[in-house]
Amino acid sequence: MLRGFYTAASGMIAQQRQQEAFSNNISNANTPGYKADQTSLRAFPEMLLNQMGGKEVPTSTSMHVPIQQPIGSLNTGVYVQETIPNFTQGDMRETGIATDLAIVNGELPDEAGSLFFTVQDTDGEIRYTRNGNFTVDGQGYLVTNQGFYVLDQSGEPIYTNGMEFSVTPDGLLQTPEQSVNLGVAYATDANGLTKEGNELYAGDAADLPPGVTFSIKQGFLERSNVDSLQSMTQMMESYRLFETNQRVLKAYDESMGKAVSEIARLV
């Protein structure tokens, strides 16, 4: 009986976590460069049940061993194994703002690979993002909306001196005073990066290896790759499954209460 409680409860917890992922995707449907989270469900290890033959209990003085007949396996519930972003390229939206930049993927040698802008957070740590909604701060540096420095290929903050600049498709940022290459990094396995919020990722990414091609579009932003309609449908399905597990849990609770009250009357 208690196994049923655990199985239904694990199903409710799993659907709750899925709901959180779907709602987060929908809330970021208009966030530039946002990558939709995907959840994967996995069943707990199954238990093999056997029927014990005979009424005798084996002891040290008895060599009799009850015959065991397999009944079958019993699933003990489900859980969300992991949540990973979907790094599929999003659509491009033209903004006409010079500080807005978008990476357009070209040839990528790894199926799970992805390209990122390189930025530096407030702690001086290197982070990666697909959100090119940049701006120029009061000191003349190119920064993200959170104020993080956008880095060049040498790992240095990009200084524009507040001047207008242009960016070529191959990532060369040009001002009247200087020209620098945007810091574009490549992760061979983007799923290995850690999502930190604010469209930032931490982990291992490196300079572009041979065979990787891309282009930079100035005055464009990469849209979120969230499919709002699909996410809403998934939320509804997840909610119905949560309700189903809730009803099962309630039925187990009523059965347990009935069993306890009837046993009490018999006693």
Protein backbone atom coordinates (compact mmCIF):
# COMPACT_ATOMS: atom_id res chain seq x y z
CA MET A 1 0.00 0.00 0.00
CA LEU A 2 2.76 2.45 0.98
CA ARG A 3 4.52 1.81 -2.33
CA GLY A 4 1.50 3.34 -4.05
CA PHE A 5 1.86 6.50 -1.95
CA TYR A 6 5.50 6.87 -2.95
CA THR A 7 4.82 6.20 -6.64
CA ALA A 8 1.98 8.75 -6.85
CA ALA A 9 3.92 11.34 -4.86
CA SER A 10 7.01 10.98 -7.07
CA GLY A 11 4.81 11.50 -10.13
CA MET A 12 3.42 14.71 -8.63
CA ILE A 13 6.90 16.03 -7.82
CA ALA A 14 8.14 15.22 -11.34
CA GLN A 15 5.19 17.02 -12.96
CA GLN A 16 5.70 20.01 -10.67
CA ARG A 17 9.30 20.32 -11.84
CA GLN A 18 8.18 20.07 -15.44
CA GLN A 19 5.62 22.81 -14.83
CA GLU A 20 8.38 25.04 -13.47
CA ALA A 21 10.49 24.47 -16.60
CA PHE A 22 7.58 25.12 -18.98
CA SER A 23 6.47 28.27 -17.16
CA ASN A 24 10.06 29.58 -17.18
CA ASN A 25 10.22 28.98 -20.93
CA ILE A 26 6.98 30.87 -21.54
CA SER A 27 8.07 33.80 -19.36
CA ASN A 28 11.27 34.08 -21.46
CA ALA A 29 9.60 33.68 -24.85
CA ASN A 30 10.55 37.26 -25.75
CA THR A 31 14.03 37.23 -24.18
CA PRO A 32 16.72 37.55 -26.89
CA GLY A 33 18.99 34.53 -27.16
CA TYR A 34 17.07 32.52 -24.57
CA LYS A 35 17.29 28.74 -25.01
CA ALA A 36 14.28 26.69 -23.95
CA ASP A 37 14.77 24.21 -21.12
CA GLN A 38 13.94 20.57 -21.79
CA THR A 39 13.28 18.02 -19.06
CA SER A 40 13.80 14.28 -19.24
CA LEU A 41 11.88 11.86 -17.03
CA ARG A 42 13.32 8.58 -15.80
CA ALA A 43 11.80 5.76 -13.79
CA PHE A 44 13.30 4.66 -10.51
CA PRO A 45 14.91 1.18 -10.62
CA GLU A 46 12.30 -1.55 -10.81
CA MET A 47 11.84 -4.10 -8.03
CA LEU A 48 11.56 -7.81 -8.89
CA LEU A 49 8.84 -9.53 -6.86
CA ASN A 50 8.90 -13.23 -6.03
CA GLN A 51 6.25 -15.45 -4.49
CA MET A 52 7.53 -17.50 -1.56
CA GLY A 53 6.24 -21.09 -1.56
CA GLY A 54 5.51 -22.92 1.72
CA LYS A 55 4.82 -21.65 5.21
CA GLU A 56 8.08 -22.69 6.86
CA VAL A 57 10.69 -20.13 7.70
CA PRO A 58 14.26 -21.28 6.89
CA THR A 59 16.45 -21.70 9.99
CA SER A 60 19.99 -22.82 10.65
CA THR A 61 18.68 -26.28 11.54
CA SER A 62 16.42 -26.55 8.53
CA MET A 63 17.72 -27.03 5.01
CA HIS A 64 14.31 -26.42 3.54
CA VAL A 65 14.27 -23.36 1.29
CA PRO A 66 10.88 -22.10 0.12
CA ILE A 67 10.38 -22.21 -3.64
CA GLN A 68 10.44 -18.74 -5.20
CA GLN A 69 8.26 -18.06 -8.19
CA PRO A 70 8.76 -14.77 -10.05
CA ILE A 71 5.68 -12.55 -10.05
CA GLY A 72 7.06 -9.68 -12.10
CA SER A 73 8.64 -6.29 -11.71
CA LEU A 74 7.23 -3.30 -9.84
CA ASN A 75 7.98 0.27 -10.86
CA THR A 76 8.63 2.52 -7.88
CA GLY A 77 8.00 5.93 -9.45
CA VAL A 78 9.48 8.56 -11.74
CA TYR A 79 11.72 11.60 -11.40
CA VAL A 80 13.14 14.43 -13.51
CA GLN A 81 16.61 13.21 -14.36
CA GLU A 82 17.93 16.49 -15.77
CA THR A 83 16.99 19.80 -17.31
CA ILE A 84 19.02 20.83 -20.34
CA PRO A 85 18.70 23.81 -22.71
CA ASN A 86 17.81 23.38 -26.37
CA PHE A 87 20.54 25.21 -28.30
CA THR A 88 18.70 25.29 -31.62
CA GLN A 89 19.26 28.56 -33.51
CA GLY A 90 16.47 31.08 -32.94
CA ASP A 91 14.97 33.36 -35.60
CA MET A 92 16.48 36.77 -36.29
CA ARG A 93 14.67 40.01 -35.48
CA GLU A 94 15.83 43.28 -36.98
CA THR A 95 16.06 46.16 -34.49
CA GLY A 96 18.15 48.70 -36.38
CA ILE A 97 20.14 49.42 -33.19
CA ALA A 98 23.88 49.38 -33.81
CA THR A 99 24.73 47.83 -30.45
CA ASP A 100 22.45 44.82 -31.06
CA LEU A 101 24.40 41.86 -32.39
CA ALA A 102 23.40 38.32 -33.34
CA ILE A 103 25.42 35.21 -34.09
CA VAL A 104 24.24 33.24 -37.09
CA ASN A 105 25.54 29.68 -36.97
CA GLY A 106 27.34 28.38 -40.00
CA GLU A 107 29.17 25.07 -40.22
CA LEU A 108 29.49 23.37 -36.83
CA PRO A 109 31.52 20.13 -36.70
CA ASP A 110 29.75 18.88 -33.57
CA GLU A 111 26.03 18.18 -33.45
CA ALA A 112 25.85 19.37 -29.84
CA GLY A 113 28.17 22.34 -30.43
CA SER A 114 27.19 26.00 -30.21
CA LEU A 115 28.70 29.48 -30.55
CA PHE A 116 28.60 32.20 -27.89
CA PHE A 117 29.62 35.78 -27.19
CA THR A 118 32.26 35.98 -24.47
CA VAL A 119 31.56 38.30 -21.52
CA GLN A 120 33.05 39.00 -18.09
CA ASP A 121 30.86 39.09 -14.98
CA THR A 122 31.29 41.33 -11.93
CA ASP A 123 33.63 38.76 -10.32
CA GLY A 124 35.93 38.81 -13.34
CA GLU A 125 34.86 35.31 -14.42
CA ILE A 126 34.40 34.41 -18.08
CA ARG A 127 30.83 33.65 -19.10
CA TYR A 128 29.08 32.94 -22.39
CA THR A 129 25.82 34.20 -23.85
CA ARG A 130 23.71 34.15 -27.00
CA ASN A 131 21.95 37.37 -26.02
CA GLY A 132 23.52 40.15 -28.12
CA ASN A 133 21.32 42.91 -26.69
CA PHE A 134 24.36 45.03 -25.84
CA THR A 135 24.82 48.70 -25.00
CA VAL A 136 27.66 51.16 -24.32
CA ASP A 137 28.17 52.20 -20.68
CA GLY A 138 29.15 55.63 -19.38
CA GLN A 139 32.85 54.80 -19.67
CA GLY A 140 32.59 53.83 -23.31
CA TYR A 141 32.76 50.03 -22.92
CA LEU A 142 30.49 47.62 -24.76
CA VAL A 143 28.46 45.81 -22.09
CA THR A 144 25.47 43.54 -21.62
CA ASN A 145 22.19 44.70 -20.11
CA GLN A 146 23.52 43.56 -16.71
CA GLY A 147 26.65 45.70 -17.11
CA PHE A 148 29.03 42.81 -17.88
CA TYR A 149 31.91 43.62 -20.21
CA VAL A 150 31.76 42.17 -23.72
CA LEU A 151 35.20 40.75 -24.52
CA ASP A 152 37.27 40.72 -27.67
CA GLN A 153 39.17 37.76 -29.05
CA SER A 154 42.08 38.50 -26.70
CA GLY A 155 39.83 38.41 -23.63
CA GLU A 156 39.89 42.18 -23.07
CA PRO A 157 36.84 44.45 -22.62
CA ILE A 158 35.86 46.18 -25.85
CA TYR A 159 36.38 49.94 -25.56
CA THR A 160 34.45 52.07 -28.05
CA ASN A 161 35.11 55.47 -26.39
CA GLY A 162 31.42 56.18 -26.89
CA MET A 163 31.92 56.39 -30.65
CA GLU A 164 29.76 54.79 -33.30
CA PHE A 165 31.06 51.47 -34.53
CA SER A 166 30.36 48.91 -37.21
CA VAL A 167 30.70 45.14 -37.13
CA THR A 168 31.56 43.08 -40.18
CA PRO A 169 29.98 39.65 -40.77
CA ASP A 170 33.23 37.96 -39.69
CA GLY A 171 33.10 39.71 -36.29
CA LEU A 172 35.48 42.65 -36.76
CA LEU A 173 34.32 45.63 -34.68
CA GLN A 174 35.57 48.92 -36.11
CA THR A 175 35.60 52.39 -34.57
CA PRO A 176 37.37 55.51 -35.91
CA GLU A 177 40.20 54.75 -33.47
CA GLN A 178 40.64 50.96 -33.54
CA SER A 179 39.53 47.57 -34.85
CA VAL A 180 39.09 44.47 -32.67
CA ASN A 181 37.62 41.03 -33.21
CA LEU A 182 34.61 40.10 -31.13
CA GLY A 183 35.24 37.30 -28.66
CA VAL A 184 33.23 34.43 -30.11
CA ALA A 185 33.75 31.09 -28.34
CA TYR A 186 32.75 27.60 -29.34
CA ALA A 187 31.57 24.82 -27.03
CA THR A 188 31.83 21.34 -28.53
CA ASP A 189 29.17 20.11 -26.09
CA ALA A 190 26.91 23.03 -25.16
CA ASN A 191 24.85 20.73 -22.91
CA GLY A 192 27.88 20.53 -20.63
CA LEU A 193 27.61 24.26 -19.83
CA THR A 194 25.92 25.41 -16.64
CA LYS A 195 22.98 27.79 -16.98
CA GLU A 196 23.36 30.65 -14.48
CA GLY A 197 20.48 33.00 -15.33
CA ASN A 198 20.47 36.29 -17.26
CA GLU A 199 21.14 34.17 -20.37
CA LEU A 200 24.66 33.43 -19.09
CA TYR A 201 26.45 30.08 -19.21
CA ALA A 202 29.53 28.89 -17.34
CA GLY A 203 31.81 26.07 -18.39
CA ASP A 204 34.38 25.12 -20.95
CA ALA A 205 34.40 26.85 -24.32
CA ALA A 206 37.40 27.64 -26.49
CA ASP A 207 38.54 29.64 -29.49
CA LEU A 208 37.07 28.67 -32.81
CA PRO A 209 38.51 25.37 -34.10
CA PRO A 210 39.03 24.73 -37.80
CA GLY A 211 35.83 24.08 -39.71
CA VAL A 212 33.58 26.35 -37.62
CA THR A 213 31.94 29.18 -39.53
CA PHE A 214 29.53 31.91 -38.45
CA SER A 215 28.44 35.44 -39.28
CA ILE A 216 27.58 38.44 -37.12
CA LYS A 217 24.52 40.53 -37.97
CA GLN A 218 24.60 44.07 -36.61
CA GLY A 219 21.24 45.63 -35.82
CA PHE A 220 19.66 42.21 -35.26
CA LEU A 221 18.81 40.08 -32.22
CA GLU A 222 18.36 36.34 -32.04
CA ARG A 223 14.88 35.52 -30.82
CA SER A 224 14.17 33.00 -28.10
CA ASN A 225 13.69 29.51 -29.54
CA VAL A 226 10.69 28.90 -27.25
CA ASP A 227 7.57 27.67 -29.04
CA SER A 228 4.90 29.32 -26.87
CA LEU A 229 2.03 27.27 -28.24
CA GLN A 230 3.85 23.99 -27.71
CA SER A 231 4.93 25.04 -24.21
CA MET A 232 1.34 25.90 -23.27
CA THR A 233 0.18 22.49 -24.53
CA GLN A 234 2.92 20.76 -22.54
CA MET A 235 1.94 22.71 -19.43
CA MET A 236 -1.67 21.56 -19.78
CA GLU A 237 -0.59 17.93 -20.26
CA SER A 238 1.70 18.13 -17.25
CA TYR A 239 -1.07 19.65 -15.14
CA ARG A 240 -3.49 16.85 -16.09
CA LEU A 241 -0.90 14.24 -15.14
CA PHE A 242 -0.36 16.02 -11.83
CA GLU A 243 -4.11 15.88 -11.17
CA THR A 244 -4.20 12.18 -12.07
CA ASN A 245 -1.45 11.38 -9.56
CA GLN A 246 -3.23 13.54 -7.01
CA ARG A 247 -6.43 11.50 -7.41
CA VAL A 248 -4.46 8.26 -7.07
CA LEU A 249 -2.84 9.55 -3.89
CA LYS A 250 -6.25 10.52 -2.51
CA ALA A 251 -7.64 7.07 -3.33
CA TYR A 252 -4.74 5.41 -1.48
CA ASP A 253 -5.30 7.72 1.47
CA GLU A 254 -9.01 6.86 1.63
CA SER A 255 -8.23 3.12 1.36
CA MET A 256 -5.67 3.37 4.13
CA GLY A 257 -8.10 5.30 6.34
CA LYS A 258 -10.85 2.74 5.72
CA ALA A 259 -8.51 -0.16 6.49
CA VAL A 260 -7.36 1.42 9.74
CA SER A 261 -10.90 2.22 10.91
CA GLU A 262 -12.23 -1.28 10.09
CA ILE A 263 -9.30 -3.01 11.75
CA ALA A 264 -9.87 -0.85 14.81
CA ARG A 265 -13.50 -1.93 14.99
CA LEU A 266 -12.56 -5.60 14.72
CA VAL A 267 -10.07 -5.28 17.52
